[in-house]
Amino acid sequence: MLILTRKIKEKIIINSNIFITVLKIKGNQVCLGINAPNNISIYREEIFLKTKINKC
């Protein structure tokens, strides 16, 4: 696992076409903005796992 430290408005870039931006930090929650091509699906972990279980 790669662990990075970012401040508000700083970005992480994945594969030169996915941008993750830290929008705000409030207590123990971080608000992220994600820009990615339309053909890439983005899920919260709990939703991904729930849909994966339903497909089995």
PDB file of N, CA and C in Angstrom:
ATOM      1  N   MET A   1       0.848  -1.171   0.000  1.00  0.00           N
ATOM      2  CA  MET A   1       0.000   0.000   0.000  1.00  0.00           C
ATOM      3  C   MET A   1       0.895   1.235   0.000  1.00  0.00           C
ATOM      4  N   LEU A   2       0.593   2.147  -0.877  1.00  0.00           N
ATOM      5  CA  LEU A   2       1.277   3.432  -0.926  1.00  0.00           C
ATOM      6  C   LEU A   2       0.533   4.406  -0.028  1.00  0.00           C
ATOM      7  N   ILE A   3       1.241   5.079   0.855  1.00  0.00           N
ATOM      8  CA  ILE A   3       0.625   6.051   1.759  1.00  0.00           C
ATOM      9  C   ILE A   3       1.173   7.422   1.417  1.00  0.00           C
ATOM     10  N   LEU A   4       0.273   8.362   1.133  1.00  0.00           N
ATOM     11  CA  LEU A   4       0.658   9.710   0.764  1.00  0.00           C
ATOM     12  C   LEU A   4       0.026  10.719   1.709  1.00  0.00           C
ATOM     13  N   THR A   5       0.693  11.820   1.904  1.00  0.00           N
ATOM     14  CA  THR A   5       0.148  12.919   2.688  1.00  0.00           C
ATOM     15  C   THR A   5      -0.162  14.061   1.730  1.00  0.00           C
ATOM     16  N   ARG A   6      -1.369  14.599   1.809  1.00  0.00           N
ATOM     17  CA  ARG A   6      -1.789  15.695   0.945  1.00  0.00           C
ATOM     18  C   ARG A   6      -2.486  16.753   1.784  1.00  0.00           C
ATOM     19  N   LYS A   7      -2.384  17.979   1.359  1.00  0.00           N
ATOM     20  CA  LYS A   7      -3.097  19.086   1.988  1.00  0.00           C
ATOM     21  C   LYS A   7      -4.281  19.448   1.101  1.00  0.00           C
ATOM     22  N   ILE A   8      -5.164  20.292   1.615  1.00  0.00           N
ATOM     23  CA  ILE A   8      -6.336  20.724   0.851  1.00  0.00           C
ATOM     24  C   ILE A   8      -5.889  21.338  -0.472  1.00  0.00           C
ATOM     25  N   LYS A   9      -6.590  20.955  -1.533  1.00  0.00           N
ATOM     26  CA  LYS A   9      -6.371  21.368  -2.925  1.00  0.00           C
ATOM     27  C   LYS A   9      -5.170  20.698  -3.587  1.00  0.00           C
ATOM     28  N   GLU A  10      -4.460  19.836  -2.872  1.00  0.00           N
ATOM     29  CA  GLU A  10      -3.374  19.090  -3.500  1.00  0.00           C
ATOM     30  C   GLU A  10      -3.948  17.841  -4.161  1.00  0.00           C
ATOM     31  N   LYS A  11      -3.267  17.379  -5.195  1.00  0.00           N
ATOM     32  CA  LYS A  11      -3.781  16.274  -6.008  1.00  0.00           C
ATOM     33  C   LYS A  11      -2.874  15.052  -5.967  1.00  0.00           C
ATOM     34  N   ILE A  12      -3.486  13.923  -6.307  1.00  0.00           N
ATOM     35  CA  ILE A  12      -2.779  12.681  -6.604  1.00  0.00           C
ATOM     36  C   ILE A  12      -3.183  12.328  -8.030  1.00  0.00           C
ATOM     37  N   ILE A  13      -2.230  11.966  -8.859  1.00  0.00           N
ATOM     38  CA  ILE A  13      -2.508  11.629 -10.250  1.00  0.00           C
ATOM     39  C   ILE A  13      -2.186  10.158 -10.463  1.00  0.00           C
ATOM     40  N   ILE A  14      -3.136   9.434 -11.062  1.00  0.00           N
ATOM     41  CA  ILE A  14      -2.971   8.010 -11.345  1.00  0.00           C
ATOM     42  C   ILE A  14      -3.047   7.813 -12.853  1.00  0.00           C
ATOM     43  N   ASN A  15      -2.020   7.209 -13.394  1.00  0.00           N
ATOM     44  CA  ASN A  15      -1.999   6.837 -14.811  1.00  0.00           C
ATOM     45  C   ASN A  15      -2.221   8.038 -15.737  1.00  0.00           C
ATOM     46  N   SER A  16      -1.857   9.196 -15.337  1.00  0.00           N
ATOM     47  CA  SER A  16      -1.930  10.455 -16.096  1.00  0.00           C
ATOM     48  C   SER A  16      -3.338  10.864 -16.539  1.00  0.00           C
ATOM     49  N   ASN A  17      -4.378  10.128 -16.136  1.00  0.00           N
ATOM     50  CA  ASN A  17      -5.736  10.532 -16.535  1.00  0.00           C
ATOM     51  C   ASN A  17      -6.756  10.447 -15.397  1.00  0.00           C
ATOM     52  N   ILE A  18      -6.306  10.144 -14.195  1.00  0.00           N
ATOM     53  CA  ILE A  18      -7.188  10.128 -13.027  1.00  0.00           C
ATOM     54  C   ILE A  18      -6.595  11.075 -11.995  1.00  0.00           C
ATOM     55  N   PHE A  19      -7.381  12.069 -11.612  1.00  0.00           N
ATOM     56  CA  PHE A  19      -6.930  13.079 -10.663  1.00  0.00           C
ATOM     57  C   PHE A  19      -7.788  13.011  -9.409  1.00  0.00           C
ATOM     58  N   ILE A  20      -7.148  12.873  -8.261  1.00  0.00           N
ATOM     59  CA  ILE A  20      -7.849  12.862  -6.982  1.00  0.00           C
ATOM     60  C   ILE A  20      -7.407  14.101  -6.219  1.00  0.00           C
ATOM     61  N   THR A  21      -8.370  14.933  -5.833  1.00  0.00           N
ATOM     62  CA  THR A  21      -8.071  16.188  -5.154  1.00  0.00           C
ATOM     63  C   THR A  21      -8.676  16.179  -3.765  1.00  0.00           C
ATOM     64  N   VAL A  22      -7.904  16.579  -2.772  1.00  0.00           N
ATOM     65  CA  VAL A  22      -8.418  16.738  -1.409  1.00  0.00           C
ATOM     66  C   VAL A  22      -9.182  18.065  -1.381  1.00  0.00           C
ATOM     67  N   LEU A  23     -10.489  18.003  -1.169  1.00  0.00           N
ATOM     68  CA  LEU A  23     -11.320  19.204  -1.181  1.00  0.00           C
ATOM     69  C   LEU A  23     -11.450  19.833   0.196  1.00  0.00           C
ATOM     70  N   LYS A  24     -11.656  18.994   1.220  1.00  0.00           N
ATOM     71  CA  LYS A  24     -11.715  19.517   2.582  1.00  0.00           C
ATOM     72  C   LYS A  24     -11.480  18.394   3.576  1.00  0.00           C
ATOM     73  N   ILE A  25     -11.083  18.804   4.757  1.00  0.00           N
ATOM     74  CA  ILE A  25     -10.857  17.874   5.862  1.00  0.00           C
ATOM     75  C   ILE A  25     -11.639  18.406   7.046  1.00  0.00           C
ATOM     76  N   LYS A  26     -12.502  17.571   7.598  1.00  0.00           N
ATOM     77  CA  LYS A  26     -13.322  17.984   8.734  1.00  0.00           C
ATOM     78  C   LYS A  26     -13.303  16.859   9.761  1.00  0.00           C
ATOM     79  N   GLY A  27     -12.601  17.078  10.855  1.00  0.00           N
ATOM     80  CA  GLY A  27     -12.497  16.032  11.874  1.00  0.00           C
ATOM     81  C   GLY A  27     -11.781  14.827  11.313  1.00  0.00           C
ATOM     82  N   ASN A  28     -12.452  13.676  11.361  1.00  0.00           N
ATOM     83  CA  ASN A  28     -11.833  12.451  10.843  1.00  0.00           C
ATOM     84  C   ASN A  28     -12.327  12.087   9.443  1.00  0.00           C
ATOM     85  N   GLN A  29     -12.962  13.040   8.735  1.00  0.00           N
ATOM     86  CA  GLN A  29     -13.439  12.791   7.381  1.00  0.00           C
ATOM     87  C   GLN A  29     -12.672  13.640   6.375  1.00  0.00           C
ATOM     88  N   VAL A  30     -12.417  13.049   5.227  1.00  0.00           N
ATOM     89  CA  VAL A  30     -11.756  13.737   4.131  1.00  0.00           C
ATOM     90  C   VAL A  30     -12.711  13.735   2.949  1.00  0.00           C
ATOM     91  N   CYS A  31     -12.905  14.886   2.327  1.00  0.00           N
ATOM     92  CA  CYS A  31     -13.759  15.007   1.143  1.00  0.00           C
ATOM     93  C   CYS A  31     -12.844  15.029  -0.075  1.00  0.00           C
ATOM     94  N   LEU A  32     -13.022  14.067  -0.975  1.00  0.00           N
ATOM     95  CA  LEU A  32     -12.189  13.939  -2.162  1.00  0.00           C
ATOM     96  C   LEU A  32     -12.993  14.227  -3.420  1.00  0.00           C
ATOM     97  N   GLY A  33     -12.353  14.848  -4.393  1.00  0.00           N
ATOM     98  CA  GLY A  33     -12.930  15.014  -5.726  1.00  0.00           C
ATOM     99  C   GLY A  33     -12.136  14.136  -6.672  1.00  0.00           C
ATOM    100  N   ILE A  34     -12.835  13.423  -7.556  1.00  0.00           N
ATOM    101  CA  ILE A  34     -12.162  12.502  -8.474  1.00  0.00           C
ATOM    102  C   ILE A  34     -12.558  12.848  -9.898  1.00  0.00           C
ATOM    103  N   ASN A  35     -11.565  13.139 -10.734  1.00  0.00           N
ATOM    104  CA  ASN A  35     -11.769  13.347 -12.165  1.00  0.00           C
ATOM    105  C   ASN A  35     -11.163  12.161 -12.890  1.00  0.00           C
ATOM    106  N   ALA A  36     -12.006  11.461 -13.658  1.00  0.00           N
ATOM    107  CA  ALA A  36     -11.548  10.279 -14.383  1.00  0.00           C
ATOM    108  C   ALA A  36     -12.351  10.165 -15.672  1.00  0.00           C
ATOM    109  N   PRO A  37     -11.826   9.452 -16.652  1.00  0.00           N
ATOM    110  CA  PRO A  37     -12.584   9.226 -17.880  1.00  0.00           C
ATOM    111  C   PRO A  37     -13.919   8.542 -17.587  1.00  0.00           C
ATOM    112  N   ASN A  38     -14.898   8.792 -18.440  1.00  0.00           N
ATOM    113  CA  ASN A  38     -16.249   8.234 -18.230  1.00  0.00           C
ATOM    114  C   ASN A  38     -16.291   6.717 -18.244  1.00  0.00           C
ATOM    115  N   ASN A  39     -15.318   6.077 -18.878  1.00  0.00           N
ATOM    116  CA  ASN A  39     -15.353   4.611 -18.959  1.00  0.00           C
ATOM    117  C   ASN A  39     -14.778   3.935 -17.715  1.00  0.00           C
ATOM    118  N   ILE A  40     -14.368   4.718 -16.727  1.00  0.00           N
ATOM    119  CA  ILE A  40     -13.834   4.159 -15.485  1.00  0.00           C
ATOM    120  C   ILE A  40     -14.897   4.272 -14.393  1.00  0.00           C
ATOM    121  N   SER A  41     -15.235   3.140 -13.798  1.00  0.00           N
ATOM    122  CA  SER A  41     -16.211   3.121 -12.711  1.00  0.00           C
ATOM    123  C   SER A  41     -15.511   3.423 -11.396  1.00  0.00           C
ATOM    124  N   ILE A  42     -16.157   4.247 -10.569  1.00  0.00           N
ATOM    125  CA  ILE A  42     -15.618   4.606  -9.264  1.00  0.00           C
ATOM    126  C   ILE A  42     -16.684   4.309  -8.222  1.00  0.00           C
ATOM    127  N   TYR A  43     -16.336   3.510  -7.219  1.00  0.00           N
ATOM    128  CA  TYR A  43     -17.276   3.106  -6.181  1.00  0.00           C
ATOM    129  C   TYR A  43     -16.676   3.353  -4.802  1.00  0.00           C
ATOM    130  N   ARG A  44     -17.538   3.619  -3.842  1.00  0.00           N
ATOM    131  CA  ARG A  44     -17.119   3.504  -2.442  1.00  0.00           C
ATOM    132  C   ARG A  44     -16.985   2.009  -2.161  1.00  0.00           C
ATOM    133  N   GLU A  45     -16.075   1.657  -1.267  1.00  0.00           N
ATOM    134  CA  GLU A  45     -15.791   0.239  -1.019  1.00  0.00           C
ATOM    135  C   GLU A  45     -17.046  -0.551  -0.647  1.00  0.00           C
ATOM    136  N   GLU A  46     -17.872  -0.022   0.250  1.00  0.00           N
ATOM    137  CA  GLU A  46     -19.043  -0.783   0.703  1.00  0.00           C
ATOM    138  C   GLU A  46     -20.045  -1.026  -0.428  1.00  0.00           C
ATOM    139  N   ILE A  47     -20.170  -0.089  -1.360  1.00  0.00           N
ATOM    140  CA  ILE A  47     -21.070  -0.283  -2.506  1.00  0.00           C
ATOM    141  C   ILE A  47     -20.472  -1.306  -3.468  1.00  0.00           C
ATOM    142  N   PHE A  48     -19.176  -1.209  -3.709  1.00  0.00           N
ATOM    143  CA  PHE A  48     -18.504  -2.170  -4.586  1.00  0.00           C
ATOM    144  C   PHE A  48     -18.671  -3.590  -4.061  1.00  0.00           C
ATOM    145  N   LEU A  49     -18.434  -3.775  -2.768  1.00  0.00           N
ATOM    146  CA  LEU A  49     -18.556  -5.113  -2.192  1.00  0.00           C
ATOM    147  C   LEU A  49     -19.984  -5.616  -2.227  1.00  0.00           C
ATOM    148  N   LYS A  50     -20.946  -4.733  -2.002  1.00  0.00           N
ATOM    149  CA  LYS A  50     -22.352  -5.138  -2.031  1.00  0.00           C
ATOM    150  C   LYS A  50     -22.762  -5.568  -3.454  1.00  0.00           C
ATOM    151  N   THR A  51     -22.343  -4.831  -4.470  1.00  0.00           N
ATOM    152  CA  THR A  51     -22.699  -5.202  -5.838  1.00  0.00           C
ATOM    153  C   THR A  51     -21.963  -6.460  -6.277  1.00  0.00           C
ATOM    154  N   LYS A  52     -20.739  -6.641  -5.802  1.00  0.00           N
ATOM    155  CA  LYS A  52     -19.969  -7.842  -6.136  1.00  0.00           C
ATOM    156  C   LYS A  52     -20.607  -9.069  -5.533  1.00  0.00           C
ATOM    157  N   ILE A  53     -21.103  -8.974  -4.296  1.00  0.00           N
ATOM    158  CA  ILE A  53     -21.765 -10.103  -3.636  1.00  0.00           C
ATOM    159  C   ILE A  53     -23.053 -10.459  -4.353  1.00  0.00           C
ATOM    160  N   ASN A  54     -23.824  -9.458  -4.790  1.00  0.00           N
ATOM    161  CA  ASN A  54     -25.082  -9.705  -5.472  1.00  0.00           C
ATOM    162  C   ASN A  54     -24.899 -10.357  -6.825  1.00  0.00           C
ATOM    163  N   LYS A  55     -23.736 -10.195  -7.457  1.00  0.00           N
ATOM    164  CA  LYS A  55     -23.489 -10.793  -8.769  1.00  0.00           C
ATOM    165  C   LYS A  55     -23.095 -12.251  -8.661  1.00  0.00           C
ATOM    166  N   CYS A  56     -22.695 -12.726  -7.494  1.00  0.00           N
ATOM    167  CA  CYS A  56     -22.260 -14.121  -7.320  1.00  0.00           C
ATOM    168  C   CYS A  56     -23.427 -15.061  -7.175  1.00  0.00           C
TER     169      CYS A  56
END
